[in-house]
C-alpha atoms as a PDB file:
ATOM      1  CA  MET A   1       7.778 -10.556  35.091  1.00  0.00           C
ATOM      2  CA  THR A   2       4.813 -12.630  36.288  1.00  0.00           C
ATOM      3  CA  PRO A   3       5.247 -15.210  39.075  1.00  0.00           C
ATOM      4  CA  ASP A   4       5.268 -17.962  36.456  1.00  0.00           C
ATOM      5  CA  ASP A   5       7.763 -16.175  34.178  1.00  0.00           C
ATOM      6  CA  THR A   6      10.856 -16.708  36.266  1.00  0.00           C
ATOM      7  CA  PRO A   7      14.393 -17.687  35.293  1.00  0.00           C
ATOM      8  CA  TRP A   8      13.648 -21.137  36.747  1.00  0.00           C
ATOM      9  CA  THR A   9      10.510 -21.576  34.616  1.00  0.00           C
ATOM     10  CA  ARG A  10      12.323 -20.447  31.474  1.00  0.00           C
ATOM     11  CA  ALA A  11      15.219 -22.821  32.245  1.00  0.00           C
ATOM     12  CA  LEU A  12      12.800 -25.697  32.782  1.00  0.00           C
ATOM     13  CA  ASN A  13      11.053 -24.976  29.477  1.00  0.00           C
ATOM     14  CA  ASP A  14      14.460 -24.842  27.732  1.00  0.00           C
ATOM     15  CA  LEU A  15      15.318 -28.225  29.241  1.00  0.00           C
ATOM     16  CA  HIS A  16      11.992 -29.665  28.062  1.00  0.00           C
ATOM     17  CA  ARG A  17      12.683 -28.406  24.539  1.00  0.00           C
ATOM     18  CA  GLN A  18      16.138 -30.003  24.576  1.00  0.00           C
ATOM     19  CA  GLU A  19      14.657 -33.293  25.761  1.00  0.00           C
ATOM     20  CA  GLY A  20      12.072 -33.190  22.984  1.00  0.00           C
ATOM     21  CA  ARG A  21       9.110 -33.159  25.357  1.00  0.00           C
ATOM     22  CA  THR A  22       5.747 -32.328  23.899  1.00  0.00           C
ATOM     23  CA  ASP A  23       3.925 -29.187  24.820  1.00  0.00           C
ATOM     24  CA  PRO A  24       1.478 -29.493  27.722  1.00  0.00           C
ATOM     25  CA  LEU A  25      -0.756 -26.848  26.118  1.00  0.00           C
ATOM     26  CA  THR A  26      -1.924 -28.121  22.745  1.00  0.00           C
ATOM     27  CA  SER A  27      -4.745 -26.674  20.686  1.00  0.00           C
ATOM     28  CA  ASP A  28      -6.620 -29.994  20.811  1.00  0.00           C
ATOM     29  CA  ASP A  29      -6.420 -30.095  24.606  1.00  0.00           C
ATOM     30  CA  ILE A  30      -7.501 -26.475  24.991  1.00  0.00           C
ATOM     31  CA  LEU A  31     -10.368 -27.037  22.531  1.00  0.00           C
ATOM     32  CA  ARG A  32     -11.511 -30.068  24.553  1.00  0.00           C
ATOM     33  CA  ARG A  33     -11.328 -28.053  27.773  1.00  0.00           C
ATOM     34  CA  CYS A  34     -13.279 -25.182  26.185  1.00  0.00           C
ATOM     35  CA  ARG A  35     -16.040 -27.593  25.233  1.00  0.00           C
ATOM     36  CA  TRP A  36     -16.062 -28.967  28.771  1.00  0.00           C
ATOM     37  CA  ALA A  37     -16.261 -25.440  30.209  1.00  0.00           C
ATOM     38  CA  LEU A  38     -19.176 -24.520  27.945  1.00  0.00           C
ATOM     39  CA  ASP A  39     -20.999 -27.673  29.040  1.00  0.00           C
ATOM     40  CA  HIS A  40     -20.340 -26.963  32.739  1.00  0.00           C
ATOM     41  CA  GLY A  41     -21.246 -23.342  33.413  1.00  0.00           C
ATOM     42  CA  GLY A  42     -19.024 -21.508  30.927  1.00  0.00           C
ATOM     43  CA  HIS A  43     -15.875 -21.204  33.044  1.00  0.00           C
ATOM     44  CA  PRO A  44     -12.656 -23.230  33.246  1.00  0.00           C
ATOM     45  CA  SER A  45     -12.358 -25.747  36.073  1.00  0.00           C
ATOM     46  CA  ALA A  46     -10.366 -24.605  39.098  1.00  0.00           C
ATOM     47  CA  ALA A  47      -8.868 -28.118  39.145  1.00  0.00           C
ATOM     48  CA  TRP A  48      -6.926 -27.404  35.935  1.00  0.00           C
ATOM     49  CA  SER A  49      -3.459 -25.921  35.860  1.00  0.00           C
ATOM     50  CA  THR A  50      -3.116 -22.153  35.796  1.00  0.00           C
ATOM     51  CA  GLY A  51      -2.023 -22.236  32.152  1.00  0.00           C
ATOM     52  CA  GLU A  52      -4.967 -24.401  31.135  1.00  0.00           C
ATOM     53  CA  GLN A  53      -7.450 -22.155  32.953  1.00  0.00           C
ATOM     54  CA  LEU A  54      -5.964 -19.023  31.434  1.00  0.00           C
ATOM     55  CA  ALA A  55      -5.862 -20.445  27.903  1.00  0.00           C
ATOM     56  CA  VAL A  56      -9.492 -21.539  28.113  1.00  0.00           C
ATOM     57  CA  ALA A  57     -10.544 -18.209  29.611  1.00  0.00           C
ATOM     58  CA  ILE A  58      -8.789 -16.378  26.776  1.00  0.00           C
ATOM     59  CA  VAL A  59     -10.422 -18.513  24.085  1.00  0.00           C
ATOM     60  CA  LEU A  60     -13.848 -18.093  25.692  1.00  0.00           C
ATOM     61  CA  LYS A  61     -13.198 -14.382  26.359  1.00  0.00           C
ATOM     62  CA  ASP A  62     -14.080 -15.110  29.988  1.00  0.00           C
ATOM     63  CA  HIS A  63     -12.867 -11.875  31.582  1.00  0.00           C
ATOM     64  CA  ALA A  64     -14.652 -12.714  34.838  1.00  0.00           C
ATOM     65  CA  HIS A  65     -12.488 -15.823  35.254  1.00  0.00           C
ATOM     66  CA  LEU A  66      -9.311 -13.907  34.392  1.00  0.00           C
ATOM     67  CA  ASP A  67     -10.275 -11.246  36.950  1.00  0.00           C
ATOM     68  CA  ALA A  68     -10.980 -13.902  39.579  1.00  0.00           C
ATOM     69  CA  MET A  69      -7.513 -15.351  38.967  1.00  0.00           C
ATOM     70  CA  GLY A  70      -5.957 -11.892  39.195  1.00  0.00           C
ATOM     71  CA  TYR A  71      -4.770 -11.708  35.576  1.00  0.00           C
ATOM     72  CA  THR A  72      -5.254  -9.143  32.870  1.00  0.00           C
ATOM     73  CA  VAL A  73      -5.550 -10.447  29.307  1.00  0.00           C
ATOM     74  CA  GLU A  74      -1.958  -9.369  28.624  1.00  0.00           C
ATOM     75  CA  GLN A  75      -0.664 -11.113  31.759  1.00  0.00           C
ATOM     76  CA  ALA A  76      -2.632 -14.239  30.852  1.00  0.00           C
ATOM     77  CA  TYR A  77      -1.031 -14.272  27.381  1.00  0.00           C
ATOM     78  CA  GLN A  78       2.413 -13.970  28.984  1.00  0.00           C
ATOM     79  CA  ARG A  79       1.668 -16.764  31.458  1.00  0.00           C
ATOM     80  CA  VAL A  80       0.376 -19.101  28.743  1.00  0.00           C
ATOM     81  CA  LEU A  81       3.460 -18.407  26.613  1.00  0.00           C
ATOM     82  CA  ALA A  82       5.736 -19.047  29.597  1.00  0.00           C
ATOM     83  CA  GLY A  83       4.121 -22.469  30.056  1.00  0.00           C
ATOM     84  CA  MET A  84       4.569 -23.589  26.456  1.00  0.00           C
ATOM     85  CA  VAL A  85       7.526 -25.662  25.359  1.00  0.00           C
ATOM     86  CA  SER A  86       7.134 -24.702  21.703  1.00  0.00           C
ATOM     87  CA  PRO A  87       4.947 -21.599  21.597  1.00  0.00           C
ATOM     88  CA  PRO A  88       3.295 -20.518  18.351  1.00  0.00           C
ATOM     89  CA  THR A  89       4.715 -17.509  16.558  1.00  0.00           C
ATOM     90  CA  ASP A  90       1.398 -15.677  16.899  1.00  0.00           C
ATOM     91  CA  LEU A  91      -0.419 -16.641  20.089  1.00  0.00           C
ATOM     92  CA  GLY A  92      -3.423 -14.476  19.211  1.00  0.00           C
ATOM     93  CA  ALA A  93      -3.880 -16.357  15.937  1.00  0.00           C
ATOM     94  CA  TRP A  94      -3.478 -19.659  17.824  1.00  0.00           C
ATOM     95  CA  PHE A  95      -6.320 -18.691  20.191  1.00  0.00           C
ATOM     96  CA  GLU A  96      -8.460 -17.484  17.272  1.00  0.00           C
ATOM     97  CA  ALA A  97      -7.949 -20.799  15.441  1.00  0.00           C
ATOM     98  CA  ILE A  98      -9.253 -22.612  18.526  1.00  0.00           C
ATOM     99  CA  ARG A  99     -12.281 -20.265  18.608  1.00  0.00           C
ATOM    100  CA  VAL A 100     -13.011 -21.070  14.968  1.00  0.00           C
ATOM    101  CA  ARG A 101     -12.870 -24.809  15.698  1.00  0.00           C
ATOM    102  CA  LEU A 102     -15.106 -24.287  18.725  1.00  0.00           C
ATOM    103  CA  ALA A 103     -17.833 -22.523  16.725  1.00  0.00           C
ATOM    104  CA  PRO A 104     -20.843 -24.693  15.899  1.00  0.00           C
END
């Protein structure tokens, strides 16, 4: 269990689903943040949420940023999933689809 994958976090995400809240981590938002990162040194902004930083680092294959945050790729996947209200069935395919859209 990662610090962000706690019973409280899971309960909060369940509540958000029940209330019909939209997911804070959407592919359009992560794509926009990836473009920003590429235009500003190639790394996610430290001002973003942990989930946003990790998602962008995964899409950009920015292992240096993941290391700096203290996450392995597997832990980052788990943390991103824990922060999603309605996670995709295949998170790897979701990240790959963002990479495809990011390509020139």
